């Protein structure tokens, strides 16, 4: 491959690398925002707020009955109210089966969904430095191609190739480092959500226990 063809290939591939880095940066930020908003939608902000909901649910059951409690939970999109709704409508299953059902739904419908959203952030974290490395390789190919051409080296073109190598590496790291911090913050919020909901489920089952159909005894 002659030097002019190599320079053209490196230029177009470098432009594509810049575009790919921009896409990775935008998608990474978008994924962080989506995951952050989803966590905010399914969690109570504080343990006290969650406790106030459980107090209200217990009071509703005692004063207004089962159907009022079902309506209270059905209209609340947060994780614990939806799990409470599931427990209310499946109360005939018995306590042990309802407990298993709630833990399964917590892992499958809440935590797994959040982990899926977080996985996109980790994918962008891995992609950004790889694209930066790709740009580095392109820049070095162009620079060494200039040096090995056997003719007078054009400093401007040489600097252009070295710039591609350095800038793409810097951009890849600039994208990845903030996303790593965001991913760590999201993971912490997910763990806090899991702990808070698990604590709430224990109290929820205590509140709803009188409603369950007694499990059949094994005694004959």
Protein backbone atom coordinates (compact mmCIF):
# COMPACT_ATOMS: atom_id res chain seq x y z
CA UNK A 1 0.00 0.00 0.00
CA UNK A 2 1.48 3.34 -1.05
CA UNK A 3 1.76 6.24 1.38
CA UNK A 4 -1.09 8.29 -0.12
CA UNK A 5 -3.53 5.36 0.11
CA UNK A 6 -2.43 4.64 3.69
CA UNK A 7 -2.91 8.29 4.64
CA UNK A 8 -6.42 8.29 3.17
CA UNK A 9 -7.37 5.07 4.95
CA UNK A 10 -6.04 6.35 8.27
CA UNK A 11 -7.88 9.66 7.85
CA UNK A 12 -11.26 8.05 7.18
CA UNK A 13 -10.77 5.36 9.85
CA UNK A 14 -9.76 8.09 12.31
CA UNK A 15 -12.91 10.06 11.56
CA UNK A 16 -14.97 6.90 12.09
CA UNK A 17 -13.18 6.37 15.42
CA UNK A 18 -14.10 9.90 16.56
CA UNK A 19 -17.74 9.28 15.61
CA UNK A 20 -17.76 5.94 17.45
CA UNK A 21 -16.30 7.57 20.57
CA UNK A 22 -19.01 10.23 20.45
CA UNK A 23 -21.71 7.55 20.15
CA UNK A 24 -20.21 5.60 23.07
CA UNK A 25 -20.10 8.74 25.23
CA UNK A 26 -23.71 9.67 24.45
CA UNK A 27 -25.01 6.13 24.93
CA UNK A 28 -23.10 5.80 28.18
CA UNK A 29 -24.61 9.00 29.58
CA UNK A 30 -28.05 7.96 28.33
CA UNK A 31 -27.72 4.55 30.01
CA UNK A 32 -26.66 6.15 33.30
CA UNK A 33 -29.64 8.51 33.23
CA UNK A 34 -32.08 5.69 32.45
CA UNK A 35 -30.70 3.48 35.22
CA UNK A 36 -30.68 6.34 37.73
CA UNK A 37 -34.26 7.29 36.93
CA UNK A 38 -35.42 3.69 37.11
CA UNK A 39 -33.90 3.26 40.56
CA UNK A 40 -35.62 6.46 41.68
CA UNK A 41 -38.94 5.16 40.34
CA UNK A 42 -38.88 1.84 42.22
CA UNK A 43 -37.41 2.82 45.59
CA UNK A 44 -38.48 4.82 48.59
CA UNK A 45 -36.11 7.68 49.24
CA UNK A 46 -35.66 6.82 52.91
CA UNK A 47 -36.42 4.01 55.32
CA UNK A 48 -38.80 6.37 57.13
CA UNK A 49 -40.80 6.94 53.94
CA UNK A 50 -41.05 3.20 53.39
CA UNK A 51 -42.11 2.72 57.00
CA UNK A 52 -44.82 5.35 56.57
CA UNK A 53 -46.19 3.44 53.59
CA UNK A 54 -46.28 0.19 55.56
CA UNK A 55 -48.02 1.96 58.45
CA UNK A 56 -50.60 3.30 56.00
CA UNK A 57 -51.08 -0.16 54.47
CA UNK A 58 -51.60 -1.73 57.89
CA UNK A 59 -54.07 0.99 58.86
CA UNK A 60 -55.96 0.59 55.58
CA UNK A 61 -56.27 -3.16 56.09
CA UNK A 62 -57.62 -2.70 59.59
CA UNK A 63 -60.03 0.14 58.86
CA UNK A 64 -61.09 -0.21 55.21
CA UNK A 65 -60.47 -3.83 54.36
CA UNK A 66 -58.66 -5.90 51.78
CA UNK A 67 -59.92 -4.23 48.60
CA UNK A 68 -58.86 -0.78 49.77
CA UNK A 69 -55.39 -2.15 50.53
CA UNK A 70 -55.22 -3.72 47.06
CA UNK A 71 -56.11 -0.38 45.45
CA UNK A 72 -53.50 1.41 47.56
CA UNK A 73 -50.74 -0.89 46.36
CA UNK A 74 -51.93 -1.27 42.77
CA UNK A 75 -51.56 2.44 41.98
CA UNK A 76 -48.02 2.74 43.40
CA UNK A 77 -45.28 1.77 40.92
CA UNK A 78 -42.52 1.40 43.49
CA UNK A 79 -41.08 -2.05 44.17
CA UNK A 80 -42.42 -2.70 47.67
CA UNK A 81 -46.04 -1.62 46.95
CA UNK A 82 -46.08 -3.80 43.85
CA UNK A 83 -44.76 -6.74 45.84
CA UNK A 84 -47.41 -6.04 48.48
CA UNK A 85 -50.05 -6.07 45.72
CA UNK A 86 -48.72 -9.42 44.53
CA UNK A 87 -48.87 -10.81 48.07
CA UNK A 88 -52.45 -9.61 48.53
CA UNK A 89 -53.83 -11.13 45.36
CA UNK A 90 -52.01 -14.44 45.97
CA UNK A 91 -52.77 -14.75 49.67
CA UNK A 92 -54.44 -18.14 49.12
CA UNK A 93 -51.04 -19.69 48.36
CA UNK A 94 -49.93 -19.62 51.97
CA UNK A 95 -47.14 -17.80 53.73
CA UNK A 96 -44.13 -19.83 52.60
CA UNK A 97 -45.10 -19.84 48.93
CA UNK A 98 -45.90 -16.14 48.95
CA UNK A 99 -42.52 -15.38 50.54
CA UNK A 100 -40.77 -17.39 47.82
CA UNK A 101 -42.85 -15.68 45.14
CA UNK A 102 -41.99 -12.21 46.42
CA UNK A 103 -38.26 -12.89 46.60
CA UNK A 104 -38.32 -14.35 43.09
CA UNK A 105 -40.16 -11.32 41.70
CA UNK A 106 -37.78 -8.96 43.51
CA UNK A 107 -34.79 -10.60 41.86
CA UNK A 108 -36.36 -11.13 38.44
CA UNK A 109 -38.49 -8.02 37.88
CA UNK A 110 -36.63 -5.39 39.89
CA UNK A 111 -32.99 -6.27 40.46
CA UNK A 112 -32.48 -8.08 37.15
CA UNK A 113 -33.95 -5.13 35.26
CA UNK A 114 -31.59 -2.71 37.02
CA UNK A 115 -28.60 -4.98 36.43
CA UNK A 116 -29.50 -5.15 32.74
CA UNK A 117 -29.53 -1.36 32.53
CA UNK A 118 -26.25 -1.18 34.41
CA UNK A 119 -24.68 -3.71 32.02
CA UNK A 120 -24.97 -1.15 29.22
CA UNK A 121 -22.91 1.29 31.27
CA UNK A 122 -20.22 -1.35 31.78
CA UNK A 123 -20.26 -2.11 28.06
CA UNK A 124 -19.57 1.54 27.26
CA UNK A 125 -16.82 1.61 29.89
CA UNK A 126 -15.08 -1.28 28.10
CA UNK A 127 -15.73 0.08 24.60
CA UNK A 128 -14.33 3.59 25.08
CA UNK A 129 -10.68 2.62 25.86
CA UNK A 130 -10.76 -0.02 23.13
CA UNK A 131 -11.80 2.58 20.58
CA UNK A 132 -9.09 4.88 21.95
CA UNK A 133 -6.55 2.10 21.45
CA UNK A 134 -7.84 1.55 17.93
CA UNK A 135 -7.27 5.24 17.20
CA UNK A 136 -3.77 4.96 18.67
CA UNK A 137 -2.94 2.08 16.35
CA UNK A 138 -4.28 4.00 13.36
CA UNK A 139 -2.23 7.07 14.25
CA UNK A 140 0.94 5.08 14.70
CA UNK A 141 0.35 3.25 11.41
CA UNK A 142 0.07 6.59 9.64
CA UNK A 143 3.11 8.03 11.41
CA UNK A 144 5.34 5.02 10.68
CA UNK A 145 4.05 4.97 7.13
CA UNK A 146 5.27 8.55 6.72
CA UNK A 147 8.66 7.71 8.21
CA UNK A 148 9.12 4.60 6.05
CA UNK A 149 8.15 6.28 2.78
CA UNK A 150 11.80 6.83 1.81
CA UNK A 151 11.20 10.48 1.06
CA UNK A 152 11.20 13.77 2.91
CA UNK A 153 8.77 13.59 5.82
CA UNK A 154 5.99 16.17 5.88
CA UNK A 155 5.93 17.39 9.54
CA UNK A 156 2.32 18.48 9.23
CA UNK A 157 1.06 15.04 8.19
CA UNK A 158 3.28 13.33 10.76
CA UNK A 159 1.86 15.57 13.49
CA UNK A 160 -1.65 14.81 12.26
CA UNK A 161 -1.14 11.07 12.70
CA UNK A 162 0.47 11.46 16.12
CA UNK A 163 -2.40 13.74 17.14
CA UNK A 164 -4.91 11.05 16.15
CA UNK A 165 -3.03 8.50 18.26
CA UNK A 166 -2.93 10.71 21.34
CA UNK A 167 -6.35 12.37 21.12
CA UNK A 168 -8.31 9.13 20.65
CA UNK A 169 -6.53 7.57 23.63
CA UNK A 170 -7.29 10.60 25.76
CA UNK A 171 -10.92 10.65 24.64
CA UNK A 172 -11.37 6.96 25.41
CA UNK A 173 -10.09 7.44 28.96
CA UNK A 174 -12.06 10.67 29.39
CA UNK A 175 -15.25 8.79 28.55
CA UNK A 176 -14.47 5.67 30.59
CA UNK A 177 -13.38 7.26 33.88
CA UNK A 178 -16.60 9.23 34.63
CA UNK A 179 -18.68 6.23 33.57
CA UNK A 180 -16.77 4.03 36.03
CA UNK A 181 -17.66 6.45 38.83
CA UNK A 182 -21.30 6.54 37.71
CA UNK A 183 -21.45 2.74 37.53
CA UNK A 184 -20.07 2.50 41.07
CA UNK A 185 -22.70 4.96 42.31
CA UNK A 186 -25.46 3.03 40.55
CA UNK A 187 -24.27 -0.28 42.02
CA UNK A 188 -24.33 1.26 45.49
CA UNK A 189 -27.88 2.55 44.99
CA UNK A 190 -29.00 -0.88 43.75
CA UNK A 191 -27.55 -2.56 46.85
CA UNK A 192 -29.25 -0.02 49.09
CA UNK A 193 -32.51 -0.61 47.24
CA UNK A 194 -32.17 -4.38 47.71
CA UNK A 195 -31.47 -4.01 51.43
CA UNK A 196 -34.34 -1.56 51.93
CA UNK A 197 -36.89 -3.67 50.05
CA UNK A 198 -35.75 -6.87 51.79
CA UNK A 199 -36.24 -5.19 55.16
CA UNK A 200 -39.65 -3.93 54.05
CA UNK A 201 -40.71 -7.39 52.88
CA UNK A 202 -40.08 -8.84 56.33
CA UNK A 203 -42.43 -6.33 57.91
CA UNK A 204 -44.91 -6.62 55.05
CA UNK A 205 -45.30 -10.36 55.60
CA UNK A 206 -45.91 -9.72 59.29
CA UNK A 207 -48.66 -7.24 58.43
CA UNK A 208 -50.31 -9.52 55.88
CA UNK A 209 -49.89 -12.82 57.72
CA UNK A 210 -53.46 -12.91 59.14
CA UNK A 211 -54.85 -12.69 55.59
CA UNK A 212 -53.24 -15.85 54.25
CA UNK A 213 -55.13 -19.07 53.87
CA UNK A 214 -53.73 -21.44 56.51
CA UNK A 215 -51.37 -23.95 54.99
CA UNK A 216 -52.58 -27.55 55.18
CA UNK A 217 -51.16 -29.51 58.06
CA UNK A 218 -49.17 -32.66 57.43
CA UNK A 219 -50.70 -34.33 60.52
CA UNK A 220 -53.30 -36.97 59.84
